[in-house]
PDB file of N, CA and C in Angstrom:
ATOM      1  N   UNK A   1     104.168  96.975  68.324  1.00  0.00           N
ATOM      2  CA  UNK A   1     104.941  97.849  69.000  1.00  0.00           C
ATOM      3  C   UNK A   1     105.780  97.088  69.845  1.00  0.00           C
ATOM      4  N   UNK A   2     105.548  96.321  70.568  1.00  0.00           N
ATOM      5  CA  UNK A   2     106.512  95.461  70.957  1.00  0.00           C
ATOM      6  C   UNK A   2     108.080  95.237  70.957  1.00  0.00           C
ATOM      7  N   UNK A   3     108.055  95.059  69.868  1.00  0.00           N
ATOM      8  CA  UNK A   3     109.532  94.715  69.270  1.00  0.00           C
ATOM      9  C   UNK A   3     110.257  95.896  69.465  1.00  0.00           C
ATOM     10  N   UNK A   4     109.634  96.984  68.918  1.00  0.00           N
ATOM     11  CA  UNK A   4     110.144  98.400  69.263  1.00  0.00           C
ATOM     12  C   UNK A   4     110.530  98.793  70.669  1.00  0.00           C
ATOM     13  N   UNK A   5     109.683  98.353  71.867  1.00  0.00           N
ATOM     14  CA  UNK A   5     109.587  98.646  73.129  1.00  0.00           C
ATOM     15  C   UNK A   5     110.357  97.401  73.692  1.00  0.00           C
ATOM     16  N   UNK A   6     111.067  96.275  73.421  1.00  0.00           N
ATOM     17  CA  UNK A   6     111.946  95.530  73.662  1.00  0.00           C
ATOM     18  C   UNK A   6     113.420  96.299  73.081  1.00  0.00           C
ATOM     19  N   UNK A   7     113.612  96.630  72.057  1.00  0.00           N
ATOM     20  CA  UNK A   7     114.601  97.143  71.460  1.00  0.00           C
ATOM     21  C   UNK A   7     115.255  98.590  72.308  1.00  0.00           C
ATOM     22  N   UNK A   8     114.252  99.351  72.261  1.00  0.00           N
ATOM     23  CA  UNK A   8     114.004 100.278  73.289  1.00  0.00           C
ATOM     24  C   UNK A   8     114.610  99.937  74.773  1.00  0.00           C
ATOM     25  N   UNK A   9     114.573  98.873  75.178  1.00  0.00           N
ATOM     26  CA  UNK A   9     114.627  98.982  76.583  1.00  0.00           C
ATOM     27  C   UNK A   9     116.111  98.168  76.692  1.00  0.00           C
ATOM     28  N   UNK A  10     116.491  97.805  75.694  1.00  0.00           N
ATOM     29  CA  UNK A  10     118.089  97.148  75.604  1.00  0.00           C
ATOM     30  C   UNK A  10     119.069  98.533  74.920  1.00  0.00           C
ATOM     31  N   UNK A  11     118.710  99.513  74.415  1.00  0.00           N
ATOM     32  CA  UNK A  11     119.468 100.487  73.625  1.00  0.00           C
ATOM     33  C   UNK A  11     119.076 102.055  74.612  1.00  0.00           C
ATOM     34  N   UNK A  12     118.415 102.221  75.638  1.00  0.00           N
ATOM     35  CA  UNK A  12     118.141 102.949  76.190  1.00  0.00           C
ATOM     36  C   UNK A  12     118.257 102.861  77.705  1.00  0.00           C
ATOM     37  N   UNK A  13     118.216 104.008  78.911  1.00  0.00           N
ATOM     38  CA  UNK A  13     118.271 103.859  79.966  1.00  0.00           C
ATOM     39  C   UNK A  13     116.789 103.469  80.185  1.00  0.00           C
ATOM     40  N   UNK A  14     116.946 102.900  81.039  1.00  0.00           N
ATOM     41  CA  UNK A  14     115.734 102.511  82.177  1.00  0.00           C
ATOM     42  C   UNK A  14     115.161 103.182  83.232  1.00  0.00           C
ATOM     43  N   UNK A  15     114.043 103.536  84.009  1.00  0.00           N
ATOM     44  CA  UNK A  15     114.107 103.756  85.007  1.00  0.00           C
ATOM     45  C   UNK A  15     112.855 102.974  85.430  1.00  0.00           C
ATOM     46  N   UNK A  16     112.394 103.185  86.895  1.00  0.00           N
ATOM     47  CA  UNK A  16     113.422 103.848  87.604  1.00  0.00           C
ATOM     48  C   UNK A  16     114.425 102.912  88.323  1.00  0.00           C
ATOM     49  N   UNK A  17     115.650 104.134  88.504  1.00  0.00           N
ATOM     50  CA  UNK A  17     117.169 103.396  88.865  1.00  0.00           C
ATOM     51  C   UNK A  17     117.391 103.066  90.346  1.00  0.00           C
ATOM     52  N   UNK A  18     116.464 103.526  91.416  1.00  0.00           N
ATOM     53  CA  UNK A  18     116.259 102.954  92.936  1.00  0.00           C
ATOM     54  C   UNK A  18     114.680 103.614  93.131  1.00  0.00           C
ATOM     55  N   UNK A  19     114.288 102.227  93.723  1.00  0.00           N
ATOM     56  CA  UNK A  19     113.201 102.009  93.724  1.00  0.00           C
ATOM     57  C   UNK A  19     112.990 102.670  95.394  1.00  0.00           C
ATOM     58  N   UNK A  20     112.350 103.513  95.555  1.00  0.00           N
ATOM     59  CA  UNK A  20     112.010 104.382  97.085  1.00  0.00           C
ATOM     60  C   UNK A  20     111.272 103.136  97.852  1.00  0.00           C
ATOM     61  N   UNK A  21     112.347 102.789  99.223  1.00  0.00           N
ATOM     62  CA  UNK A  21     111.164 101.546 100.144  1.00  0.00           C
ATOM     63  C   UNK A  21     110.620 102.261 101.174  1.00  0.00           C
ATOM     64  N   UNK A  22     109.885 103.468 100.387  1.00  0.00           N
ATOM     65  CA  UNK A  22     108.669 103.637 101.436  1.00  0.00           C
ATOM     66  C   UNK A  22     107.240 103.271 101.295  1.00  0.00           C
ATOM     67  N   UNK A  23     106.222 102.856 102.073  1.00  0.00           N
ATOM     68  CA  UNK A  23     105.093 102.972 101.775  1.00  0.00           C
ATOM     69  C   UNK A  23     104.339 103.462 102.866  1.00  0.00           C
ATOM     70  N   UNK A  24     102.855 103.160 102.743  1.00  0.00           N
ATOM     71  CA  UNK A  24     101.741 103.560 103.829  1.00  0.00           C
ATOM     72  C   UNK A  24     100.616 102.834 103.797  1.00  0.00           C
ATOM     73  N   UNK A  25     100.297 102.901 105.324  1.00  0.00           N
ATOM     74  CA  UNK A  25      99.226 102.144 105.363  1.00  0.00           C
ATOM     75  C   UNK A  25      98.018 102.741 104.425  1.00  0.00           C
ATOM     76  N   UNK A  26      96.934 102.382 103.732  1.00  0.00           N
ATOM     77  CA  UNK A  26      95.822 102.799 103.464  1.00  0.00           C
ATOM     78  C   UNK A  26      94.416 102.890 104.395  1.00  0.00           C
ATOM     79  N   UNK A  27      94.243 104.038 104.746  1.00  0.00           N
ATOM     80  CA  UNK A  27      92.845 104.090 105.478  1.00  0.00           C
ATOM     81  C   UNK A  27      91.795 104.434 105.218  1.00  0.00           C
ATOM     82  N   UNK A  28      91.387 104.751 103.630  1.00  0.00           N
ATOM     83  CA  UNK A  28      90.151 105.109 103.207  1.00  0.00           C
ATOM     84  C   UNK A  28      90.073 105.279 101.600  1.00  0.00           C
ATOM     85  N   UNK A  29      89.172 104.699 101.267  1.00  0.00           N
ATOM     86  CA  UNK A  29      88.902 103.975 100.033  1.00  0.00           C
ATOM     87  C   UNK A  29      87.480 104.557  99.476  1.00  0.00           C
ATOM     88  N   UNK A  30      87.464 105.492  98.663  1.00  0.00           N
ATOM     89  CA  UNK A  30      85.989 106.042  97.807  1.00  0.00           C
ATOM     90  C   UNK A  30      85.984 106.174  96.246  1.00  0.00           C
ATOM     91  N   UNK A  31      85.458 105.375  95.768  1.00  0.00           N
ATOM     92  CA  UNK A  31      85.464 106.000  94.335  1.00  0.00           C
ATOM     93  C   UNK A  31      84.312 107.126  93.889  1.00  0.00           C
ATOM     94  N   UNK A  32      85.407 108.420  93.662  1.00  0.00           N
ATOM     95  CA  UNK A  32      85.240 109.591  93.524  1.00  0.00           C
ATOM     96  C   UNK A  32      84.850 110.000  92.157  1.00  0.00           C
ATOM     97  N   UNK A  33      84.930 109.045  91.303  1.00  0.00           N
ATOM     98  CA  UNK A  33      84.606 109.343  89.671  1.00  0.00           C
ATOM     99  C   UNK A  33      85.986 109.358  89.161  1.00  0.00           C
ATOM    100  N   UNK A  34      85.714 109.399  87.757  1.00  0.00           N
ATOM    101  CA  UNK A  34      87.221 109.753  86.920  1.00  0.00           C
ATOM    102  C   UNK A  34      87.050 111.182  86.875  1.00  0.00           C
ATOM    103  N   UNK A  35      88.467 112.075  86.690  1.00  0.00           N
ATOM    104  CA  UNK A  35      88.721 113.376  86.345  1.00  0.00           C
ATOM    105  C   UNK A  35      87.625 114.378  86.967  1.00  0.00           C
ATOM    106  N   UNK A  36      87.775 113.544  88.755  1.00  0.00           N
ATOM    107  CA  UNK A  36      86.903 114.536  89.609  1.00  0.00           C
ATOM    108  C   UNK A  36      87.019 116.112  89.855  1.00  0.00           C
ATOM    109  N   UNK A  37      86.911 117.067  89.390  1.00  0.00           N
ATOM    110  CA  UNK A  37      87.840 118.731  89.618  1.00  0.00           C
ATOM    111  C   UNK A  37      87.866 118.395  91.127  1.00  0.00           C
ATOM    112  N   UNK A  38      86.387 118.470  91.528  1.00  0.00           N
ATOM    113  CA  UNK A  38      86.050 119.064  92.732  1.00  0.00           C
ATOM    114  C   UNK A  38      86.972 118.302  94.097  1.00  0.00           C
ATOM    115  N   UNK A  39      87.839 116.633  93.595  1.00  0.00           N
ATOM    116  CA  UNK A  39      88.431 116.168  94.401  1.00  0.00           C
ATOM    117  C   UNK A  39      89.784 116.646  94.498  1.00  0.00           C
ATOM    118  N   UNK A  40      90.119 116.406  92.793  1.00  0.00           N
ATOM    119  CA  UNK A  40      91.596 116.846  92.772  1.00  0.00           C
ATOM    120  C   UNK A  40      92.160 118.437  92.829  1.00  0.00           C
ATOM    121  N   UNK A  41      91.161 119.277  92.664  1.00  0.00           N
ATOM    122  CA  UNK A  41      91.291 120.452  92.924  1.00  0.00           C
ATOM    123  C   UNK A  41      91.813 121.441  93.809  1.00  0.00           C
ATOM    124  N   UNK A  42      91.508 120.898  95.109  1.00  0.00           N
ATOM    125  CA  UNK A  42      91.988 120.775  96.284  1.00  0.00           C
ATOM    126  C   UNK A  42      93.337 121.229  97.302  1.00  0.00           C
ATOM    127  N   UNK A  43      93.728 122.013  97.588  1.00  0.00           N
ATOM    128  CA  UNK A  43      95.292 121.823  98.189  1.00  0.00           C
ATOM    129  C   UNK A  43      94.634 121.056  99.460  1.00  0.00           C
ATOM    130  N   UNK A  44      95.774 120.085 100.056  1.00  0.00           N
ATOM    131  CA  UNK A  44      95.683 119.888 101.466  1.00  0.00           C
ATOM    132  C   UNK A  44      95.860 120.654 102.643  1.00  0.00           C
ATOM    133  N   UNK A  45      95.474 120.230 103.535  1.00  0.00           N
ATOM    134  CA  UNK A  45      95.437 121.177 104.757  1.00  0.00           C
ATOM    135  C   UNK A  45      95.168 120.296 106.093  1.00  0.00           C
ATOM    136  N   UNK A  46      95.722 120.894 107.243  1.00  0.00           N
ATOM    137  CA  UNK A  46      95.722 120.203 108.375  1.00  0.00           C
ATOM    138  C   UNK A  46      94.127 119.697 109.053  1.00  0.00           C
ATOM    139  N   UNK A  47      94.364 118.067 109.074  1.00  0.00           N
ATOM    140  CA  UNK A  47      93.004 117.779 108.869  1.00  0.00           C
ATOM    141  C   UNK A  47      92.435 117.230 108.392  1.00  0.00           C
ATOM    142  N   UNK A  48      93.143 117.251 106.677  1.00  0.00           N
ATOM    143  CA  UNK A  48      91.803 116.633 105.614  1.00  0.00           C
ATOM    144  C   UNK A  48      91.532 115.393 105.473  1.00  0.00           C
ATOM    145  N   UNK A  49      92.772 114.462 105.990  1.00  0.00           N
ATOM    146  CA  UNK A  49      92.737 113.069 106.254  1.00  0.00           C
ATOM    147  C   UNK A  49      91.256 112.658 106.709  1.00  0.00           C
ATOM    148  N   UNK A  50      91.331 113.268 108.255  1.00  0.00           N
ATOM    149  CA  UNK A  50      90.243 113.094 109.025  1.00  0.00           C
ATOM    150  C   UNK A  50      88.699 113.623 108.601  1.00  0.00           C
ATOM    151  N   UNK A  51      88.827 114.736 107.813  1.00  0.00           N
ATOM    152  CA  UNK A  51      87.254 115.435 107.359  1.00  0.00           C
ATOM    153  C   UNK A  51      86.827 114.437 106.065  1.00  0.00           C
ATOM    154  N   UNK A  52      87.881 113.594 105.463  1.00  0.00           N
ATOM    155  CA  UNK A  52      87.606 112.446 104.533  1.00  0.00           C
ATOM    156  C   UNK A  52      86.988 111.379 105.077  1.00  0.00           C
ATOM    157  N   UNK A  53      87.847 111.055 106.011  1.00  0.00           N
ATOM    158  CA  UNK A  53      87.317 109.893 106.957  1.00  0.00           C
ATOM    159  C   UNK A  53      86.047 110.168 107.245  1.00  0.00           C
ATOM    160  N   UNK A  54      85.244 111.286 107.845  1.00  0.00           N
ATOM    161  CA  UNK A  54      84.005 111.542 108.509  1.00  0.00           C
ATOM    162  C   UNK A  54      83.266 111.786 107.258  1.00  0.00           C
ATOM    163  N   UNK A  55      83.443 111.782 106.517  1.00  0.00           N
ATOM    164  CA  UNK A  55      82.170 112.227 105.123  1.00  0.00           C
ATOM    165  C   UNK A  55      82.190 112.972 104.609  1.00  0.00           C
ATOM    166  N   UNK A  56      83.196 114.381 105.310  1.00  0.00           N
ATOM    167  CA  UNK A  56      83.183 115.569 104.979  1.00  0.00           C
ATOM    168  C   UNK A  56      82.882 115.818 103.436  1.00  0.00           C
ATOM    169  N   UNK A  57      82.840 116.566 102.389  1.00  0.00           N
ATOM    170  CA  UNK A  57      82.756 116.958 101.432  1.00  0.00           C
ATOM    171  C   UNK A  57      84.268 118.048 101.434  1.00  0.00           C
ATOM    172  N   UNK A  58      85.308 117.941 100.963  1.00  0.00           N
ATOM    173  CA  UNK A  58      86.451 119.095 101.166  1.00  0.00           C
ATOM    174  C   UNK A  58      86.490 119.906  99.906  1.00  0.00           C
TER     175      UNK A  58
END
């Protein structure tokens, strides 16, 4: 599939055309597991990052 990938790079447009020069500081890291619906199904709310850092399960 490498040959097809290289051919496609030459034949088609590639993305991203513009890299957004933004960054953020990582303030908390925790392994929550793969496909953890309890984590990814929550809508963000004001103070959520503070709750996460405090160890509260949101």
